[in-house]
C-alpha cells in the first residue's frame, strides 16, 4: 500500500463498506487516520521483510547452483578432488619431504613440528628426522602411526646433534635402502628443515618438469655460489629437491668415499652445513650441479627467507653476496646477479619459504586457504578486508621468530606488496596438473 493516500488506505482497510468515515467528527478522523497510517507502515515493513527473505532464498539458490556448476566443471576437467584415494596412507606417491632439525631455536622445534603436522605436512608426506633423545609432543603419534604422514625417522644414538653430515648420510641411505623405514614408491625427495613452509601442490607441479625421478638426475632449489668453493650449491634454508636416481648415486658415492663425497674428516663448519658437501659431491664428482629454477618471469620458486623479508628485500648480506657470485648463463649475467624484491620476489609457483616459526606457519596456511576458497567461490577478497584479516591473524613480534619480520604497517605500499604476493601464490588460476590438485589446502 506504499504510495497510497490516507483516504485510500482507510478504504483498503475496511473494504467496500458503505459507512463513510468522513461523517465522523474531525478529531476522530485525525486519530483514526494516524492509527491507520502506523498500521500501514508496519504492514509495509512486514511486506518488505518478506520480499527480502524471498530475495535471499533466490540468491542462495543461484549461489549453490553456480558453485555446483563450477565444481562439476573442474571435476570433469581434472577429476574428482574431494575424495582422495590414498596409497599406503599417502595423498601423493611422487615425493617425500624430509624435515631435518633446524639449528635455529631448537627449543621451539616441537611447536614447529606440531604446526607442520596441522598444515602442509600430511599433503607433503613429511618425515620428521628425530634424534634418539628427542621426545614427541604429547597428543601426537607420529612414531607409532605408520599409515599416515607425518612420520618419524629415528636416528641411532651415535649420531649426535652436531653430526650434520653423518645425519644426512644416514637419512639418505634409509630412503634408498631400508624398505622397513620408509615407502619405496617415491620419485623425488624434498629436503628442508623445520623452519620451512612448503606449498605441496606447487612442489608436485614443479617435479613434473623432470619426468620420472627413477631415471632423471635432478638437484634443484635456490642456487647460490661461493667463490672459495668454486662450485654452486642449493640453499639448505630454502630446501632442495633430489630425484631418486640422483639420491641413489649420491648414497653410493658417499659409501665408497669418492672424492668430494667423504663423510670422514669434515671440518666443523661443514658439519653445520652438510648441504655444502652434498653439493660438492653432486657437482664435482657426479656431474649434477644446481640448476636455474626461476620461472619464466625470472622469479624465484624456493626462498631462504619468509614472505615478508622476501618481499621487502631486507635479507642478510651473505645471501646477497652468494647471488652476486652466481653466474649460470653468460647471456644473462646481469639478471643472475640480482635478487628481486617487491612483488617480483616470488613466483606464483613458489614451493617454499624459510625462517617461518609455528605461528606464521599456521597464519600463512590459513591465509592461502582463505584466499583460495574466496577465489573459487568467485568472491575475491578486497584489499581492505584482506589487510584486516592479516592484522588479526598474523603473529606479532614476540611470536614471529627472530629471523622473520612482522607485517608491514597497515595501508603502506609494503603491506600491499605482501598481500599481492599472497594472492599470487594462492591463485587457483595457476596451471596445476590434475594429480596435484588434491594437495591444495581445501577441497573443491
Foldseek 3Di string as FASTA:
>chain_A
DPPDDLVVLVCVVVPPDPDDPVPDDPVVCVVVSVVSVVVVVVVVVVVVVVVVVVVVVVVVVVLVVVLVVLQVVVCVVQNAQFDQDDDLAASDLAEAEEAEADPAPNVQLQLLVVLCQVFQWQNRQYEYEEEPPDDHDPPDDQDPDRRTDDHYDYDDNVCDPLQQQVSVLVVLCCQQPPCVRDPVRYFKYKYAHSQKAFQNLLVVQLCVVFPGLLPGFAKEAQWFADVVVVAIFHDRLLIIMGTNNNSVVLSVCAVVVPPLNDSPPDDSVCSNVVRVSSQCCCVVPVVHHYDDSADPVLEHQTENAALLCLQVVVADPVRLVRQLPDDDDPVCNVSSSDQDHFLRHHALSHTMHGSFRSQNSNLLRVLLVVQLVCVSSVNGDDPVRSLVVCVVRPDDPVRGGDRHDGAPDPPDSSNVRSVVNSNSNSPPPPDGRSSSPSSRRDRD
